[in-house]
Amino acid sequence: MAVALAWKRWNFAGKYKQVVMKYTYTTGDTTITAVTGLKNIVAYSVSPTSVTAKAVDFAVVAGGTITITVANPLAACYLFITAWGL
């Protein structure tokens, strides 16, 4: 199974748009590329993964895309991403 976007929700927080997404992945998947649909991300948060002790290592933002590197979960796993921007 590859990395998959389970769902994506939009919200408006003041002058910023908020995007909340759930990504699923499994054994061997270590990179998640989250295309938010925003032009510019001003802040983001990534939840802990659903598999205990398999952490999110780091994330990089470029334009409206967040690239997240995670530890190999060795099982089915998911995480949530929230981003704010324009």
PDB file of N, CA and C in Angstrom:
ATOM      1  N   MET A   1       0.847  -1.180   0.000  1.00  0.00           N
ATOM      2  CA  MET A   1       0.000   0.000   0.000  1.00  0.00           C
ATOM      3  C   MET A   1       0.889   1.239   0.000  1.00  0.00           C
ATOM      4  N   ALA A   2       0.539   2.189  -0.747  1.00  0.00           N
ATOM      5  CA  ALA A   2       1.285   3.450  -0.826  1.00  0.00           C
ATOM      6  C   ALA A   2       0.657   4.489   0.096  1.00  0.00           C
ATOM      7  N   VAL A   3       1.340   5.575   0.232  1.00  0.00           N
ATOM      8  CA  VAL A   3       0.801   6.703   1.001  1.00  0.00           C
ATOM      9  C   VAL A   3      -0.474   7.179   0.318  1.00  0.00           C
ATOM     10  N   ALA A   4      -1.533   7.386   1.102  1.00  0.00           N
ATOM     11  CA  ALA A   4      -2.813   7.809   0.520  1.00  0.00           C
ATOM     12  C   ALA A   4      -3.456   8.891   1.379  1.00  0.00           C
ATOM     13  N   LEU A   5      -4.049   9.849   0.706  1.00  0.00           N
ATOM     14  CA  LEU A   5      -4.826  10.885   1.387  1.00  0.00           C
ATOM     15  C   LEU A   5      -6.197  10.296   1.699  1.00  0.00           C
ATOM     16  N   ALA A   6      -6.516  10.139   2.985  1.00  0.00           N
ATOM     17  CA  ALA A   6      -7.808   9.561   3.382  1.00  0.00           C
ATOM     18  C   ALA A   6      -8.918  10.592   3.255  1.00  0.00           C
ATOM     19  N   TRP A   7      -8.671  11.814   3.732  1.00  0.00           N
ATOM     20  CA  TRP A   7      -9.636  12.906   3.586  1.00  0.00           C
ATOM     21  C   TRP A   7      -8.953  14.243   3.798  1.00  0.00           C
ATOM     22  N   LYS A   8      -9.639  15.281   3.312  1.00  0.00           N
ATOM     23  CA  LYS A   8      -9.132  16.660   3.404  1.00  0.00           C
ATOM     24  C   LYS A   8     -10.307  17.575   3.698  1.00  0.00           C
ATOM     25  N   ARG A   9     -10.162  18.440   4.698  1.00  0.00           N
ATOM     26  CA  ARG A   9     -11.214  19.388   5.080  1.00  0.00           C
ATOM     27  C   ARG A   9     -10.652  20.803   5.090  1.00  0.00           C
ATOM     28  N   TRP A  10     -11.480  21.768   4.675  1.00  0.00           N
ATOM     29  CA  TRP A  10     -11.108  23.188   4.659  1.00  0.00           C
ATOM     30  C   TRP A  10     -11.884  23.930   5.729  1.00  0.00           C
ATOM     31  N   ASN A  11     -11.247  24.958   6.283  1.00  0.00           N
ATOM     32  CA  ASN A  11     -11.879  25.824   7.255  1.00  0.00           C
ATOM     33  C   ASN A  11     -11.282  27.223   7.049  1.00  0.00           C
ATOM     34  N   PHE A  12     -11.940  28.228   7.551  1.00  0.00           N
ATOM     35  CA  PHE A  12     -11.426  29.595   7.438  1.00  0.00           C
ATOM     36  C   PHE A  12     -11.260  30.162   8.834  1.00  0.00           C
ATOM     37  N   ALA A  13     -10.020  30.491   9.188  1.00  0.00           N
ATOM     38  CA  ALA A  13      -9.698  31.014  10.508  1.00  0.00           C
ATOM     39  C   ALA A  13      -9.199  32.448  10.342  1.00  0.00           C
ATOM     40  N   GLY A  14     -10.111  33.423  10.484  1.00  0.00           N
ATOM     41  CA  GLY A  14      -9.730  34.821  10.293  1.00  0.00           C
ATOM     42  C   GLY A  14      -9.360  35.062   8.846  1.00  0.00           C
ATOM     43  N   LYS A  15      -8.194  35.635   8.614  1.00  0.00           N
ATOM     44  CA  LYS A  15      -7.783  35.911   7.240  1.00  0.00           C
ATOM     45  C   LYS A  15      -7.078  34.724   6.591  1.00  0.00           C
ATOM     46  N   TYR A  16      -6.849  33.655   7.341  1.00  0.00           N
ATOM     47  CA  TYR A  16      -6.151  32.486   6.824  1.00  0.00           C
ATOM     48  C   TYR A  16      -7.100  31.335   6.528  1.00  0.00           C
ATOM     49  N   LYS A  17      -6.701  30.498   5.580  1.00  0.00           N
ATOM     50  CA  LYS A  17      -7.399  29.247   5.315  1.00  0.00           C
ATOM     51  C   LYS A  17      -6.733  28.173   6.160  1.00  0.00           C
ATOM     52  N   GLN A  18      -7.515  27.220   6.619  1.00  0.00           N
ATOM     53  CA  GLN A  18      -6.991  26.095   7.384  1.00  0.00           C
ATOM     54  C   GLN A  18      -7.328  24.814   6.629  1.00  0.00           C
ATOM     55  N   VAL A  19      -6.355  23.944   6.482  1.00  0.00           N
ATOM     56  CA  VAL A  19      -6.552  22.660   5.818  1.00  0.00           C
ATOM     57  C   VAL A  19      -6.207  21.570   6.826  1.00  0.00           C
ATOM     58  N   VAL A  20      -7.101  20.603   7.003  1.00  0.00           N
ATOM     59  CA  VAL A  20      -6.854  19.456   7.872  1.00  0.00           C
ATOM     60  C   VAL A  20      -6.915  18.211   6.998  1.00  0.00           C
ATOM     61  N   MET A  21      -5.874  17.377   7.067  1.00  0.00           N
ATOM     62  CA  MET A  21      -5.783  16.193   6.215  1.00  0.00           C
ATOM     63  C   MET A  21      -5.394  14.971   7.039  1.00  0.00           C
ATOM     64  N   LYS A  22      -5.875  13.810   6.598  1.00  0.00           N
ATOM     65  CA  LYS A  22      -5.471  12.534   7.201  1.00  0.00           C
ATOM     66  C   LYS A  22      -4.786  11.714   6.118  1.00  0.00           C
ATOM     67  N   TYR A  23      -3.562  11.289   6.395  1.00  0.00           N
ATOM     68  CA  TYR A  23      -2.808  10.437   5.477  1.00  0.00           C
ATOM     69  C   TYR A  23      -2.619   9.063   6.097  1.00  0.00           C
ATOM     70  N   THR A  24      -2.786   8.016   5.281  1.00  0.00           N
ATOM     71  CA  THR A  24      -2.527   6.651   5.716  1.00  0.00           C
ATOM     72  C   THR A  24      -1.303   6.136   4.974  1.00  0.00           C
ATOM     73  N   TYR A  25      -0.553   5.268   5.640  1.00  0.00           N
ATOM     74  CA  TYR A  25       0.623   4.656   5.030  1.00  0.00           C
ATOM     75  C   TYR A  25       0.928   3.361   5.758  1.00  0.00           C
ATOM     76  N   THR A  26       1.893   2.602   5.257  1.00  0.00           N
ATOM     77  CA  THR A  26       2.170   1.289   5.831  1.00  0.00           C
ATOM     78  C   THR A  26       3.667   0.979   5.780  1.00  0.00           C
ATOM     79  N   THR A  27       4.027  -0.255   5.999  1.00  0.00           N
ATOM     80  CA  THR A  27       5.412  -0.697   6.037  1.00  0.00           C
ATOM     81  C   THR A  27       6.186  -0.240   4.808  1.00  0.00           C
ATOM     82  N   GLY A  28       7.331   0.339   5.036  1.00  0.00           N
ATOM     83  CA  GLY A  28       8.198   0.779   3.951  1.00  0.00           C
ATOM     84  C   GLY A  28       7.988   2.213   3.510  1.00  0.00           C
ATOM     85  N   ASP A  29       6.882   2.822   3.895  1.00  0.00           N
ATOM     86  CA  ASP A  29       6.617   4.217   3.522  1.00  0.00           C
ATOM     87  C   ASP A  29       7.285   5.136   4.537  1.00  0.00           C
ATOM     88  N   THR A  30       8.208   5.958   4.065  1.00  0.00           N
ATOM     89  CA  THR A  30       8.916   6.853   4.984  1.00  0.00           C
ATOM     90  C   THR A  30       8.811   8.321   4.595  1.00  0.00           C
ATOM     91  N   THR A  31       8.191   8.620   3.458  1.00  0.00           N
ATOM     92  CA  THR A  31       8.021  10.003   3.032  1.00  0.00           C
ATOM     93  C   THR A  31       6.576  10.258   2.659  1.00  0.00           C
ATOM     94  N   ILE A  32       6.009  11.305   3.224  1.00  0.00           N
ATOM     95  CA  ILE A  32       4.638  11.710   2.923  1.00  0.00           C
ATOM     96  C   ILE A  32       4.700  13.104   2.321  1.00  0.00           C
ATOM     97  N   THR A  33       4.138  13.258   1.134  1.00  0.00           N
ATOM     98  CA  THR A  33       4.094  14.557   0.475  1.00  0.00           C
ATOM     99  C   THR A  33       2.662  15.063   0.527  1.00  0.00           C
ATOM    100  N   ALA A  34       2.428  16.082   1.320  1.00  0.00           N
ATOM    101  CA  ALA A  34       1.088  16.635   1.526  1.00  0.00           C
ATOM    102  C   ALA A  34       0.913  17.895   0.686  1.00  0.00           C
ATOM    103  N   VAL A  35       0.100  17.801  -0.343  1.00  0.00           N
ATOM    104  CA  VAL A  35      -0.216  18.959  -1.182  1.00  0.00           C
ATOM    105  C   VAL A  35      -1.446  19.620  -0.572  1.00  0.00           C
ATOM    106  N   THR A  36      -1.259  20.789   0.027  1.00  0.00           N
ATOM    107  CA  THR A  36      -2.330  21.425   0.791  1.00  0.00           C
ATOM    108  C   THR A  36      -3.325  22.190  -0.067  1.00  0.00           C
ATOM    109  N   GLY A  37      -2.892  22.684  -1.204  1.00  0.00           N
ATOM    110  CA  GLY A  37      -3.751  23.538  -2.016  1.00  0.00           C
ATOM    111  C   GLY A  37      -3.608  25.012  -1.653  1.00  0.00           C
ATOM    112  N   LEU A  38      -2.796  25.305  -0.647  1.00  0.00           N
ATOM    113  CA  LEU A  38      -2.512  26.688  -0.267  1.00  0.00           C
ATOM    114  C   LEU A  38      -1.362  27.214  -1.123  1.00  0.00           C
ATOM    115  N   LYS A  39      -1.337  28.522  -1.361  1.00  0.00           N
ATOM    116  CA  LYS A  39      -0.223  29.120  -2.099  1.00  0.00           C
ATOM    117  C   LYS A  39       0.991  29.306  -1.202  1.00  0.00           C
ATOM    118  N   ASN A  40       0.721  29.652   0.059  1.00  0.00           N
ATOM    119  CA  ASN A  40       1.781  29.969   1.000  1.00  0.00           C
ATOM    120  C   ASN A  40       1.376  29.447   2.372  1.00  0.00           C
ATOM    121  N   ILE A  41       2.189  28.626   2.990  1.00  0.00           N
ATOM    122  CA  ILE A  41       1.905  28.085   4.317  1.00  0.00           C
ATOM    123  C   ILE A  41       2.605  28.953   5.356  1.00  0.00           C
ATOM    124  N   VAL A  42       1.835  29.455   6.338  1.00  0.00           N
ATOM    125  CA  VAL A  42       2.438  30.278   7.387  1.00  0.00           C
ATOM    126  C   VAL A  42       2.681  29.477   8.667  1.00  0.00           C
ATOM    127  N   ALA A  43       1.953  28.375   8.852  1.00  0.00           N
ATOM    128  CA  ALA A  43       2.151  27.503  10.009  1.00  0.00           C
ATOM    129  C   ALA A  43       1.561  26.133   9.689  1.00  0.00           C
ATOM    130  N   TYR A  44       2.084  25.107  10.353  1.00  0.00           N
ATOM    131  CA  TYR A  44       1.527  23.764  10.189  1.00  0.00           C
ATOM    132  C   TYR A  44       1.797  22.957  11.450  1.00  0.00           C
ATOM    133  N   SER A  45       1.058  21.875  11.616  1.00  0.00           N
ATOM    134  CA  SER A  45       1.319  20.935  12.698  1.00  0.00           C
ATOM    135  C   SER A  45       1.082  19.526  12.173  1.00  0.00           C
ATOM    136  N   VAL A  46       1.862  18.596  12.698  1.00  0.00           N
ATOM    137  CA  VAL A  46       1.742  17.194  12.322  1.00  0.00           C
ATOM    138  C   VAL A  46       1.500  16.417  13.601  1.00  0.00           C
ATOM    139  N   SER A  47       0.468  15.588  13.622  1.00  0.00           N
ATOM    140  CA  SER A  47       0.142  14.803  14.813  1.00  0.00           C
ATOM    141  C   SER A  47       1.157  13.677  14.996  1.00  0.00           C
ATOM    142  N   PRO A  48       1.216  13.111  16.195  1.00  0.00           N
ATOM    143  CA  PRO A  48       1.999  11.883  16.359  1.00  0.00           C
ATOM    144  C   PRO A  48       1.372  10.787  15.492  1.00  0.00           C
ATOM    145  N   THR A  49       2.166   9.815  15.088  1.00  0.00           N
ATOM    146  CA  THR A  49       1.633   8.732  14.264  1.00  0.00           C
ATOM    147  C   THR A  49       0.781   7.785  15.109  1.00  0.00           C
ATOM    148  N   SER A  50      -0.028   6.980  14.435  1.00  0.00           N
ATOM    149  CA  SER A  50      -0.905   6.063  15.153  1.00  0.00           C
ATOM    150  C   SER A  50      -0.165   4.848  15.699  1.00  0.00           C
ATOM    151  N   VAL A  51       1.059   4.605  15.251  1.00  0.00           N
ATOM    152  CA  VAL A  51       1.865   3.497  15.765  1.00  0.00           C
ATOM    153  C   VAL A  51       2.800   4.047  16.828  1.00  0.00           C
ATOM    154  N   THR A  52       2.680   3.544  18.030  1.00  0.00           N
ATOM    155  CA  THR A  52       3.495   4.001  19.149  1.00  0.00           C
ATOM    156  C   THR A  52       4.980   3.808  18.854  1.00  0.00           C
ATOM    157  N   ALA A  53       5.780   4.779  19.206  1.00  0.00           N
ATOM    158  CA  ALA A  53       7.239   4.756  19.085  1.00  0.00           C
ATOM    159  C   ALA A  53       7.733   4.862  17.642  1.00  0.00           C
ATOM    160  N   LYS A  54       6.866   5.204  16.704  1.00  0.00           N
ATOM    161  CA  LYS A  54       7.284   5.440  15.313  1.00  0.00           C
ATOM    162  C   LYS A  54       7.012   6.905  15.007  1.00  0.00           C
ATOM    163  N   ALA A  55       8.010   7.724  15.240  1.00  0.00           N
ATOM    164  CA  ALA A  55       7.833   9.175  15.238  1.00  0.00           C
ATOM    165  C   ALA A  55       7.952   9.810  13.859  1.00  0.00           C
ATOM    166  N   VAL A  56       7.490  11.047  13.800  1.00  0.00           N
ATOM    167  CA  VAL A  56       7.729  11.919  12.659  1.00  0.00           C
ATOM    168  C   VAL A  56       9.131  12.479  12.853  1.00  0.00           C
ATOM    169  N   ASP A  57      10.011  12.296  11.880  1.00  0.00           N
ATOM    170  CA  ASP A  57      11.392  12.750  12.015  1.00  0.00           C
ATOM    171  C   ASP A  57      11.528  14.249  11.761  1.00  0.00           C
ATOM    172  N   PHE A  58      11.065  14.712  10.602  1.00  0.00           N
ATOM    173  CA  PHE A  58      11.109  16.145  10.299  1.00  0.00           C
ATOM    174  C   PHE A  58      10.211  16.430   9.107  1.00  0.00           C
ATOM    175  N   ALA A  59       9.968  17.710   8.857  1.00  0.00           N
ATOM    176  CA  ALA A  59       9.131  18.137   7.731  1.00  0.00           C
ATOM    177  C   ALA A  59       9.755  19.374   7.094  1.00  0.00           C
ATOM    178  N   VAL A  60       9.518  19.517   5.789  1.00  0.00           N
ATOM    179  CA  VAL A  60      10.031  20.637   5.020  1.00  0.00           C
ATOM    180  C   VAL A  60       8.875  21.241   4.241  1.00  0.00           C
ATOM    181  N   VAL A  61       8.784  22.569   4.246  1.00  0.00           N
ATOM    182  CA  VAL A  61       7.715  23.265   3.526  1.00  0.00           C
ATOM    183  C   VAL A  61       8.303  23.955   2.299  1.00  0.00           C
ATOM    184  N   ALA A  62       7.624  23.802   1.169  1.00  0.00           N
ATOM    185  CA  ALA A  62       8.000  24.503  -0.057  1.00  0.00           C
ATOM    186  C   ALA A  62       6.707  24.932  -0.732  1.00  0.00           C
ATOM    187  N   GLY A  63       6.450  26.240  -0.732  1.00  0.00           N
ATOM    188  CA  GLY A  63       5.203  26.745  -1.312  1.00  0.00           C
ATOM    189  C   GLY A  63       4.008  26.223  -0.537  1.00  0.00           C
ATOM    190  N   GLY A  64       3.147  25.473  -1.191  1.00  0.00           N
ATOM    191  CA  GLY A  64       1.963  24.914  -0.535  1.00  0.00           C
ATOM    192  C   GLY A  64       2.069  23.433  -0.267  1.00  0.00           C
ATOM    193  N   THR A  65       3.283  22.886  -0.303  1.00  0.00           N
ATOM    194  CA  THR A  65       3.489  21.453  -0.099  1.00  0.00           C
ATOM    195  C   THR A  65       4.338  21.210   1.146  1.00  0.00           C
ATOM    196  N   ILE A  66       3.937  20.219   1.939  1.00  0.00           N
ATOM    197  CA  ILE A  66       4.702  19.813   3.119  1.00  0.00           C
ATOM    198  C   ILE A  66       5.224  18.404   2.861  1.00  0.00           C
ATOM    199  N   THR A  67       6.540  18.222   2.931  1.00  0.00           N
ATOM    200  CA  THR A  67       7.139  16.900   2.767  1.00  0.00           C
ATOM    201  C   THR A  67       7.579  16.422   4.143  1.00  0.00           C
ATOM    202  N   ILE A  68       7.010  15.312   4.577  1.00  0.00           N
ATOM    203  CA  ILE A  68       7.224  14.806   5.936  1.00  0.00           C
ATOM    204  C   ILE A  68       7.994  13.492   5.862  1.00  0.00           C
ATOM    205  N   THR A  69       9.056  13.383   6.662  1.00  0.00           N
ATOM    206  CA  THR A  69       9.814  12.140   6.756  1.00  0.00           C
ATOM    207  C   THR A  69       9.447  11.475   8.080  1.00  0.00           C
ATOM    208  N   VAL A  70       9.054  10.208   8.002  1.00  0.00           N
ATOM    209  CA  VAL A  70       8.627   9.452   9.186  1.00  0.00           C
ATOM    210  C   VAL A  70       9.454   8.181   9.308  1.00  0.00           C
ATOM    211  N   ALA A  71       9.475   7.603  10.499  1.00  0.00           N
ATOM    212  CA  ALA A  71      10.123   6.311  10.706  1.00  0.00           C
ATOM    213  C   ALA A  71       9.244   5.225  10.084  1.00  0.00           C
ATOM    214  N   ASN A  72       9.862   4.183   9.568  1.00  0.00           N
ATOM    215  CA  ASN A  72       9.118   3.066   8.992  1.00  0.00           C
ATOM    216  C   ASN A  72       8.207   2.473  10.067  1.00  0.00           C
ATOM    217  N   PRO A  73       6.868   2.493   9.869  1.00  0.00           N
ATOM    218  CA  PRO A  73       5.961   2.060  10.927  1.00  0.00           C
ATOM    219  C   PRO A  73       5.873   0.549  11.116  1.00  0.00           C
ATOM    220  N   LEU A  74       6.264  -0.228  10.128  1.00  0.00           N
ATOM    221  CA  LEU A  74       6.192  -1.689  10.176  1.00  0.00           C
ATOM    222  C   LEU A  74       4.768  -2.204  10.379  1.00  0.00           C
ATOM    223  N   ALA A  75       3.771  -1.385  10.084  1.00  0.00           N
ATOM    224  CA  ALA A  75       2.349  -1.745  10.193  1.00  0.00           C
ATOM    225  C   ALA A  75       1.539  -0.646   9.519  1.00  0.00           C
ATOM    226  N   ALA A  76       0.250  -0.861   9.400  1.00  0.00           N
ATOM    227  CA  ALA A  76      -0.628   0.196   8.881  1.00  0.00           C
ATOM    228  C   ALA A  76      -0.615   1.358   9.872  1.00  0.00           C
ATOM    229  N   CYS A  77      -0.579   2.573   9.359  1.00  0.00           N
ATOM    230  CA  CYS A  77      -0.407   3.740  10.213  1.00  0.00           C
ATOM    231  C   CYS A  77      -1.115   4.941   9.592  1.00  0.00           C
ATOM    232  N   TYR A  78      -1.388   5.953  10.404  1.00  0.00           N
ATOM    233  CA  TYR A  78      -1.950   7.196   9.890  1.00  0.00           C
ATOM    234  C   TYR A  78      -1.472   8.368  10.734  1.00  0.00           C
ATOM    235  N   LEU A  79      -1.591   9.565  10.162  1.00  0.00           N
ATOM    236  CA  LEU A  79      -1.321  10.795  10.908  1.00  0.00           C
ATOM    237  C   LEU A  79      -2.166  11.920  10.330  1.00  0.00           C
ATOM    238  N   PHE A  80      -2.305  12.987  11.111  1.00  0.00           N
ATOM    239  CA  PHE A  80      -3.081  14.145  10.715  1.00  0.00           C
ATOM    240  C   PHE A  80      -2.155  15.335  10.503  1.00  0.00           C
ATOM    241  N   ILE A  81      -2.458  16.140   9.497  1.00  0.00           N
ATOM    242  CA  ILE A  81      -1.691  17.341   9.199  1.00  0.00           C
ATOM    243  C   ILE A  81      -2.655  18.513   9.181  1.00  0.00           C
ATOM    244  N   THR A  82      -2.298  19.591   9.868  1.00  0.00           N
ATOM    245  CA  THR A  82      -3.079  20.819   9.835  1.00  0.00           C
ATOM    246  C   THR A  82      -2.159  21.926   9.339  1.00  0.00           C
ATOM    247  N   ALA A  83      -2.624  22.698   8.352  1.00  0.00           N
ATOM    248  CA  ALA A  83      -1.814  23.784   7.810  1.00  0.00           C
ATOM    249  C   ALA A  83      -2.673  25.048   7.716  1.00  0.00           C
ATOM    250  N   TRP A  84      -2.040  26.193   7.964  1.00  0.00           N
ATOM    251  CA  TRP A  84      -2.697  27.496   7.849  1.00  0.00           C
ATOM    252  C   TRP A  84      -1.927  28.313   6.821  1.00  0.00           C
ATOM    253  N   GLY A  85      -2.636  29.035   6.002  1.00  0.00           N
ATOM    254  CA  GLY A  85      -1.954  29.857   5.010  1.00  0.00           C
ATOM    255  C   GLY A  85      -2.910  30.637   4.147  1.00  0.00           C
ATOM    256  N   LEU A  86      -2.387  31.107   3.028  1.00  0.00           N
ATOM    257  CA  LEU A  86      -3.146  31.915   2.090  1.00  0.00           C
ATOM    258  C   LEU A  86      -3.403  31.144   0.811  1.00  0.00           C
TER     259      LEU A  86
END
